[in-house]
Each structure stands twice: as structure tokens, then as C-alpha cells.
């Protein structure tokens, strides 16, 4: 006959195992699906993916690696529901391998199937553009240059207008002071031309 204490311990262990198994089953995530690379440019790209409905996903993690190179770039973001991420600072004409993982409160999902893509060369990208796209880019660059030149011209004109206004103000002040200076000079000259005798009257010479 089994002891009551031993039976209770076995029951507690069994309940603990079942609860842990239930938690693991609830928090286990599936790997992201349909991982796709879009908008591939010379130095950037966009990775998108999907998740299973009902997975408690709160973020994602992306590993980016050059083919045949061990160095990895790790991108992680939480508290988001986005299903896309921009890859930047890529090298042209280079192959990359990308994995995506989902993140929940309980941990991370297994990595997705690897996705391989290659960035184009600058010359290939330019050749693939239509004449209209090239013309629009050149037009945009020319418009930016013209806008910069106009800003410089306006600043220079404002500076010249300020200098001219300052000069006119100084000139008006000088013109306003000239009549007073002339009056002072006339007064001083008249005082010097008719000196007065101490007892009054003008000095006369004796004949």
C-alpha cells in the first residue's frame, strides 16, 4: 500500500509537469512564412513576411549575412505589429542571406527558411530604368540645384539691401548735421572779424 505522503508528492510533480507543458505549448511560435525580398536597390532592400493567425507575436528579429561570409547583422524590434523591415547599407552586386524570427513574451520562434537575394550593380540599375525615369531624376536634381542657387541669391540681395539702407541712414544723418555746422562756422567767423574794445566801440587811429 502506497504511503499518503508519497502519493501527494507524485501528484504535485505531475501537475507541475502538465502546467509547464501547457505554458510551453501556449508560448511556442511558428516560424514566419512567405518571407520575401522586395524593392531591391543597389544599397537597400525590403523584407516582408507573414505569421500564423493567433500567434502572440510582439516583435521580430532578422539576421542578415553576406553569402560565404560569417559576419552577421542582427536587427530586432519589439512592441510592433509590422510585417516588414528595410535592409540598408548593402553593397552593390552582393549576395545576401536573410532569416526572420517572430518574438513573443515567452521567447523567439525558430528561424524562417533562408532567403537568398543579390543586389544589382549601379550600371545595371541605371540601364534598367526607362528614359522617363532618368529624365525625372535629372529634372529633380536640376530643380534642387536651382532652388539652392535661388536661396543664395536671395540671401545676397538681402545683405546688400541692408548695407544700402545703413549707408542711406548714415548719409541722412550727415546731411542733417551740415546746416548746423555751417551756422557754427558763420558765427565763429563773424566773431573773429569784429573784435570789441574793452571800453566799447572800435579802435580808431590818431591822425
C-alpha atoms as a PDB file:
ATOM      1  CA  UNK A   1       0.000   0.000   0.000  1.00  0.00           C
ATOM      2  CA  UNK A   2       1.451   3.398  -1.036  1.00  0.00           C
ATOM      3  CA  UNK A   3       2.058   5.999   1.629  1.00  0.00           C
ATOM      4  CA  UNK A   4      -0.202   9.091   1.551  1.00  0.00           C
ATOM      5  CA  UNK A   5       2.792  11.495   1.595  1.00  0.00           C
ATOM      6  CA  UNK A   6       4.413   9.803  -1.405  1.00  0.00           C
ATOM      7  CA  UNK A   7       1.182   9.881  -3.424  1.00  0.00           C
ATOM      8  CA  UNK A   8       0.753  13.623  -2.766  1.00  0.00           C
ATOM      9  CA  UNK A   9       4.330  14.333  -3.919  1.00  0.00           C
ATOM     10  CA  UNK A  10       3.837  12.358  -7.129  1.00  0.00           C
ATOM     11  CA  UNK A  11       0.573  14.207  -7.787  1.00  0.00           C
ATOM     12  CA  UNK A  12       2.240  17.609  -7.314  1.00  0.00           C
ATOM     13  CA  UNK A  13       5.076  16.668  -9.698  1.00  0.00           C
ATOM     14  CA  UNK A  14       2.572  15.510 -12.299  1.00  0.00           C
ATOM     15  CA  UNK A  15       0.550  18.733 -12.031  1.00  0.00           C
ATOM     16  CA  UNK A  16       3.737  20.806 -12.328  1.00  0.00           C
ATOM     17  CA  UNK A  17       4.820  18.935 -15.443  1.00  0.00           C
ATOM     18  CA  UNK A  18       1.406  19.396 -17.034  1.00  0.00           C
ATOM     19  CA  UNK A  19       1.374  23.125 -16.270  1.00  0.00           C
ATOM     20  CA  UNK A  20       4.867  23.632 -17.728  1.00  0.00           C
ATOM     21  CA  UNK A  21       3.890  21.694 -20.841  1.00  0.00           C
ATOM     22  CA  UNK A  22       0.774  23.827 -21.197  1.00  0.00           C
ATOM     23  CA  UNK A  23       2.776  27.084 -20.915  1.00  0.00           C
ATOM     24  CA  UNK A  24       5.321  25.905 -23.475  1.00  0.00           C
ATOM     25  CA  UNK A  25       2.539  24.916 -25.864  1.00  0.00           C
ATOM     26  CA  UNK A  26       0.915  28.354 -25.468  1.00  0.00           C
ATOM     27  CA  UNK A  27       4.119  30.324 -25.992  1.00  0.00           C
ATOM     28  CA  UNK A  28       5.573  28.228 -28.828  1.00  0.00           C
ATOM     29  CA  UNK A  29       5.670  30.294 -32.019  1.00  0.00           C
ATOM     30  CA  UNK A  30       5.736  29.149 -35.583  1.00  0.00           C
ATOM     31  CA  UNK A  31       8.456  30.401 -37.895  1.00  0.00           C
ATOM     32  CA  UNK A  32       7.436  33.325 -40.150  1.00  0.00           C
ATOM     33  CA  UNK A  33       6.018  32.318 -43.529  1.00  0.00           C
ATOM     34  CA  UNK A  34       6.333  33.650 -47.070  1.00  0.00           C
ATOM     35  CA  UNK A  35       9.489  35.636 -46.395  1.00  0.00           C
ATOM     36  CA  UNK A  36      10.043  37.777 -49.493  1.00  0.00           C
ATOM     37  CA  UNK A  37      12.601  40.365 -50.575  1.00  0.00           C
ATOM     38  CA  UNK A  38      11.123  43.365 -52.392  1.00  0.00           C
ATOM     39  CA  UNK A  39      12.248  46.726 -53.712  1.00  0.00           C
ATOM     40  CA  UNK A  40      15.824  45.567 -54.231  1.00  0.00           C
ATOM     41  CA  UNK A  41      18.086  48.563 -54.883  1.00  0.00           C
ATOM     42  CA  UNK A  42      21.842  48.942 -55.166  1.00  0.00           C
ATOM     43  CA  UNK A  43      22.262  49.666 -51.435  1.00  0.00           C
ATOM     44  CA  UNK A  44      18.917  48.699 -49.888  1.00  0.00           C
ATOM     45  CA  UNK A  45      16.033  46.234 -49.949  1.00  0.00           C
ATOM     46  CA  UNK A  46      12.774  45.456 -48.151  1.00  0.00           C
ATOM     47  CA  UNK A  47      11.981  42.131 -46.469  1.00  0.00           C
ATOM     48  CA  UNK A  48       8.356  41.140 -45.785  1.00  0.00           C
ATOM     49  CA  UNK A  49       6.795  38.098 -44.117  1.00  0.00           C
ATOM     50  CA  UNK A  50       3.598  36.629 -42.687  1.00  0.00           C
ATOM     51  CA  UNK A  51       2.738  34.893 -39.404  1.00  0.00           C
ATOM     52  CA  UNK A  52       0.156  32.309 -38.402  1.00  0.00           C
ATOM     53  CA  UNK A  53      -3.081  33.780 -37.162  1.00  0.00           C
ATOM     54  CA  UNK A  54      -3.315  33.615 -33.385  1.00  0.00           C
ATOM     55  CA  UNK A  55       0.415  33.652 -32.661  1.00  0.00           C
ATOM     56  CA  UNK A  56       1.084  36.111 -29.777  1.00  0.00           C
ATOM     57  CA  UNK A  57       3.769  37.993 -31.699  1.00  0.00           C
ATOM     58  CA  UNK A  58       5.093  41.264 -30.232  1.00  0.00           C
ATOM     59  CA  UNK A  59       8.119  41.811 -32.477  1.00  0.00           C
ATOM     60  CA  UNK A  60      10.616  40.340 -34.894  1.00  0.00           C
ATOM     61  CA  UNK A  61      14.291  39.591 -35.321  1.00  0.00           C
ATOM     62  CA  UNK A  62      16.191  39.495 -38.619  1.00  0.00           C
ATOM     63  CA  UNK A  63      19.624  38.114 -39.336  1.00  0.00           C
ATOM     64  CA  UNK A  64      21.342  39.400 -42.471  1.00  0.00           C
ATOM     65  CA  UNK A  65      24.508  37.769 -43.764  1.00  0.00           C
ATOM     66  CA  UNK A  66      26.637  38.052 -46.850  1.00  0.00           C
ATOM     67  CA  UNK A  67      26.936  34.756 -48.634  1.00  0.00           C
ATOM     68  CA  UNK A  68      30.188  32.927 -47.778  1.00  0.00           C
ATOM     69  CA  UNK A  69      30.915  35.482 -45.013  1.00  0.00           C
ATOM     70  CA  UNK A  70      30.443  34.667 -41.318  1.00  0.00           C
ATOM     71  CA  UNK A  71      29.764  38.207 -40.134  1.00  0.00           C
ATOM     72  CA  UNK A  72      26.083  38.799 -39.313  1.00  0.00           C
ATOM     73  CA  UNK A  73      23.895  41.845 -38.927  1.00  0.00           C
ATOM     74  CA  UNK A  74      21.155  41.417 -36.321  1.00  0.00           C
ATOM     75  CA  UNK A  75      18.015  43.594 -36.423  1.00  0.00           C
ATOM     76  CA  UNK A  76      15.429  43.321 -33.639  1.00  0.00           C
ATOM     77  CA  UNK A  77      12.304  45.312 -32.852  1.00  0.00           C
ATOM     78  CA  UNK A  78       9.602  44.709 -30.242  1.00  0.00           C
ATOM     79  CA  UNK A  79       6.226  46.243 -29.387  1.00  0.00           C
ATOM     80  CA  UNK A  80       5.314  46.365 -33.057  1.00  0.00           C
ATOM     81  CA  UNK A  81       2.897  44.617 -35.384  1.00  0.00           C
ATOM     82  CA  UNK A  82       4.758  45.430 -38.589  1.00  0.00           C
ATOM     83  CA  UNK A  83       5.497  42.631 -41.022  1.00  0.00           C
ATOM     84  CA  UNK A  84       8.267  44.321 -42.988  1.00  0.00           C
ATOM     85  CA  UNK A  85      11.710  45.766 -42.408  1.00  0.00           C
ATOM     86  CA  UNK A  86      14.137  47.805 -44.505  1.00  0.00           C
ATOM     87  CA  UNK A  87      17.646  46.482 -45.088  1.00  0.00           C
ATOM     88  CA  UNK A  88      20.113  49.307 -45.583  1.00  0.00           C
ATOM     89  CA  UNK A  89      23.801  49.960 -46.211  1.00  0.00           C
ATOM     90  CA  UNK A  90      24.091  46.996 -48.573  1.00  0.00           C
ATOM     91  CA  UNK A  91      26.934  46.516 -51.046  1.00  0.00           C
ATOM     92  CA  UNK A  92      26.191  46.502 -54.726  1.00  0.00           C
ATOM     93  CA  UNK A  93      26.444  43.247 -56.714  1.00  0.00           C
ATOM     94  CA  UNK A  94      26.487  41.180 -53.490  1.00  0.00           C
ATOM     95  CA  UNK A  95      24.509  38.101 -52.414  1.00  0.00           C
ATOM     96  CA  UNK A  96      22.815  38.144 -49.006  1.00  0.00           C
ATOM     97  CA  UNK A  97      21.027  35.513 -46.891  1.00  0.00           C
ATOM     98  CA  UNK A  98      18.150  36.592 -44.634  1.00  0.00           C
ATOM     99  CA  UNK A  99      16.314  34.776 -41.809  1.00  0.00           C
ATOM    100  CA  UNK A 100      13.297  36.124 -39.903  1.00  0.00           C
ATOM    101  CA  UNK A 101      12.098  35.125 -36.422  1.00  0.00           C
ATOM    102  CA  UNK A 102       8.952  36.102 -34.520  1.00  0.00           C
ATOM    103  CA  UNK A 103       9.218  37.275 -30.900  1.00  0.00           C
ATOM    104  CA  UNK A 104       6.641  36.777 -28.133  1.00  0.00           C
ATOM    105  CA  UNK A 105       6.635  37.299 -24.364  1.00  0.00           C
ATOM    106  CA  UNK A 106       7.848  33.727 -23.993  1.00  0.00           C
ATOM    107  CA  UNK A 107      10.766  33.881 -26.433  1.00  0.00           C
ATOM    108  CA  UNK A 108      11.566  33.607 -30.130  1.00  0.00           C
ATOM    109  CA  UNK A 109      10.288  31.324 -32.858  1.00  0.00           C
ATOM    110  CA  UNK A 110      12.513  29.101 -34.965  1.00  0.00           C
ATOM    111  CA  UNK A 111      14.128  30.975 -37.856  1.00  0.00           C
ATOM    112  CA  UNK A 112      12.342  31.057 -41.174  1.00  0.00           C
ATOM    113  CA  UNK A 113      13.658  29.319 -44.240  1.00  0.00           C
ATOM    114  CA  UNK A 114      16.668  31.231 -45.602  1.00  0.00           C
ATOM    115  CA  UNK A 115      16.043  33.683 -48.430  1.00  0.00           C
ATOM    116  CA  UNK A 116      18.846  34.485 -50.859  1.00  0.00           C
ATOM    117  CA  UNK A 117      18.948  37.661 -52.946  1.00  0.00           C
ATOM    118  CA  UNK A 118      21.531  39.749 -54.800  1.00  0.00           C
ATOM    119  CA  UNK A 119      21.831  43.495 -55.061  1.00  0.00           C
ATOM    120  CA  UNK A 120      22.341  44.863 -58.595  1.00  0.00           C
ATOM    121  CA  UNK A 121      25.247  46.865 -59.918  1.00  0.00           C
ATOM    122  CA  UNK A 122      24.847  50.603 -60.252  1.00  0.00           C
ATOM    123  CA  UNK A 123      25.260  50.319 -64.019  1.00  0.00           C
ATOM    124  CA  UNK A 124      22.609  47.570 -64.189  1.00  0.00           C
ATOM    125  CA  UNK A 125      20.170  49.673 -62.192  1.00  0.00           C
ATOM    126  CA  UNK A 126      20.693  52.673 -64.442  1.00  0.00           C
ATOM    127  CA  UNK A 127      20.290  50.525 -67.552  1.00  0.00           C
ATOM    128  CA  UNK A 128      17.030  49.066 -66.264  1.00  0.00           C
ATOM    129  CA  UNK A 129      15.472  52.495 -65.807  1.00  0.00           C
ATOM    130  CA  UNK A 130      13.313  53.910 -68.540  1.00  0.00           C
ATOM    131  CA  UNK A 131      14.227  57.214 -70.228  1.00  0.00           C
ATOM    132  CA  UNK A 132      11.312  58.875 -68.446  1.00  0.00           C
ATOM    133  CA  UNK A 133      12.617  57.811 -65.022  1.00  0.00           C
ATOM    134  CA  UNK A 134      16.119  59.029 -65.845  1.00  0.00           C
ATOM    135  CA  UNK A 135      14.697  62.327 -67.100  1.00  0.00           C
ATOM    136  CA  UNK A 136      12.622  62.765 -63.944  1.00  0.00           C
ATOM    137  CA  UNK A 137      15.654  62.127 -61.718  1.00  0.00           C
ATOM    138  CA  UNK A 138      17.755  64.603 -63.676  1.00  0.00           C
ATOM    139  CA  UNK A 139      14.922  67.124 -63.540  1.00  0.00           C
ATOM    140  CA  UNK A 140      14.649  66.678 -59.777  1.00  0.00           C
ATOM    141  CA  UNK A 141      18.382  67.181 -59.299  1.00  0.00           C
ATOM    142  CA  UNK A 142      18.328  70.282 -61.505  1.00  0.00           C
ATOM    143  CA  UNK A 143      15.370  71.651 -59.537  1.00  0.00           C
ATOM    144  CA  UNK A 144      17.254  71.131 -56.270  1.00  0.00           C
ATOM    145  CA  UNK A 145      20.284  72.961 -57.685  1.00  0.00           C
ATOM    146  CA  UNK A 146      18.133  75.853 -58.896  1.00  0.00           C
ATOM    147  CA  UNK A 147      16.432  76.079 -55.520  1.00  0.00           C
ATOM    148  CA  UNK A 148      19.823  76.263 -53.790  1.00  0.00           C
ATOM    149  CA  UNK A 149      21.030  78.948 -56.185  1.00  0.00           C
ATOM    150  CA  UNK A 150      17.865  80.992 -55.636  1.00  0.00           C
ATOM    151  CA  UNK A 151      18.315  80.810 -51.879  1.00  0.00           C
ATOM    152  CA  UNK A 152      21.905  82.057 -52.170  1.00  0.00           C
ATOM    153  CA  UNK A 153      20.839  84.921 -54.474  1.00  0.00           C
ATOM    154  CA  UNK A 154      18.053  85.972 -52.094  1.00  0.00           C
ATOM    155  CA  UNK A 155      20.430  85.966 -49.108  1.00  0.00           C
ATOM    156  CA  UNK A 156      22.979  88.077 -51.003  1.00  0.00           C
ATOM    157  CA  UNK A 157      20.290  90.564 -52.089  1.00  0.00           C
ATOM    158  CA  UNK A 158      19.031  90.890 -48.507  1.00  0.00           C
ATOM    159  CA  UNK A 159      22.586  91.571 -47.311  1.00  0.00           C
ATOM    160  CA  UNK A 160      23.102  94.225 -49.997  1.00  0.00           C
ATOM    161  CA  UNK A 161      19.759  95.820 -49.140  1.00  0.00           C
ATOM    162  CA  UNK A 162      20.842  96.045 -45.507  1.00  0.00           C
ATOM    163  CA  UNK A 163      24.159  97.644 -46.459  1.00  0.00           C
ATOM    164  CA  UNK A 164      22.431 100.191 -48.731  1.00  0.00           C
ATOM    165  CA  UNK A 165      19.866 101.033 -46.035  1.00  0.00           C
ATOM    166  CA  UNK A 166      22.642 101.564 -43.497  1.00  0.00           C
ATOM    167  CA  UNK A 167      24.535 103.781 -45.915  1.00  0.00           C
ATOM    168  CA  UNK A 168      21.421 105.899 -46.651  1.00  0.00           C
ATOM    169  CA  UNK A 169      20.767 106.323 -42.945  1.00  0.00           C
ATOM    170  CA  UNK A 170      24.313 107.483 -42.285  1.00  0.00           C
ATOM    171  CA  UNK A 171      24.099 109.839 -45.280  1.00  0.00           C
ATOM    172  CA  UNK A 172      20.860 111.399 -43.960  1.00  0.00           C
ATOM    173  CA  UNK A 173      22.452 111.936 -40.560  1.00  0.00           C
ATOM    174  CA  UNK A 174      25.441 113.684 -42.197  1.00  0.00           C
ATOM    175  CA  UNK A 175      23.149 115.887 -44.340  1.00  0.00           C
ATOM    176  CA  UNK A 176      21.081 116.842 -41.290  1.00  0.00           C
ATOM    177  CA  UNK A 177      24.216 117.922 -39.413  1.00  0.00           C
ATOM    178  CA  UNK A 178      25.613 120.079 -42.258  1.00  0.00           C
ATOM    179  CA  UNK A 179      23.325 123.189 -41.666  1.00  0.00           C
ATOM    180  CA  UNK A 180      24.264 123.262 -38.000  1.00  0.00           C
ATOM    181  CA  UNK A 181      27.932 123.034 -38.886  1.00  0.00           C
ATOM    182  CA  UNK A 182      27.565 125.884 -41.393  1.00  0.00           C
ATOM    183  CA  UNK A 183      25.818 128.081 -38.787  1.00  0.00           C
ATOM    184  CA  UNK A 184      28.561 127.417 -36.257  1.00  0.00           C
ATOM    185  CA  UNK A 185      31.246 128.263 -38.803  1.00  0.00           C
ATOM    186  CA  UNK A 186      29.484 131.513 -39.787  1.00  0.00           C
ATOM    187  CA  UNK A 187      29.116 132.553 -36.154  1.00  0.00           C
ATOM    188  CA  UNK A 188      32.765 131.854 -35.397  1.00  0.00           C
ATOM    189  CA  UNK A 189      33.948 133.786 -38.457  1.00  0.00           C
ATOM    190  CA  UNK A 190      31.823 136.849 -37.570  1.00  0.00           C
ATOM    191  CA  UNK A 191      33.150 136.923 -34.033  1.00  0.00           C
ATOM    192  CA  UNK A 192      36.730 136.843 -35.262  1.00  0.00           C
ATOM    193  CA  UNK A 193      36.271 139.617 -37.891  1.00  0.00           C
ATOM    194  CA  UNK A 194      34.937 142.338 -35.432  1.00  0.00           C
ATOM    195  CA  UNK A 195      36.935 142.325 -32.213  1.00  0.00           C
ATOM    196  CA  UNK A 196      35.451 144.562 -29.486  1.00  0.00           C
ATOM    197  CA  UNK A 197      37.384 147.274 -27.448  1.00  0.00           C
ATOM    198  CA  UNK A 198      37.365 146.696 -23.715  1.00  0.00           C
ATOM    199  CA  UNK A 199      35.590 150.096 -23.205  1.00  0.00           C
ATOM    200  CA  UNK A 200      33.288 149.653 -26.153  1.00  0.00           C
ATOM    201  CA  UNK A 201      33.450 150.927 -29.705  1.00  0.00           C
ATOM    202  CA  UNK A 202      36.002 150.341 -32.420  1.00  0.00           C
ATOM    203  CA  UNK A 203      39.628 151.339 -32.262  1.00  0.00           C
ATOM    204  CA  UNK A 204      40.494 154.484 -34.212  1.00  0.00           C
ATOM    205  CA  UNK A 205      43.857 155.593 -35.365  1.00  0.00           C
ATOM    206  CA  UNK A 206      45.151 159.067 -34.380  1.00  0.00           C
ATOM    207  CA  UNK A 207      45.763 161.474 -37.250  1.00  0.00           C
END
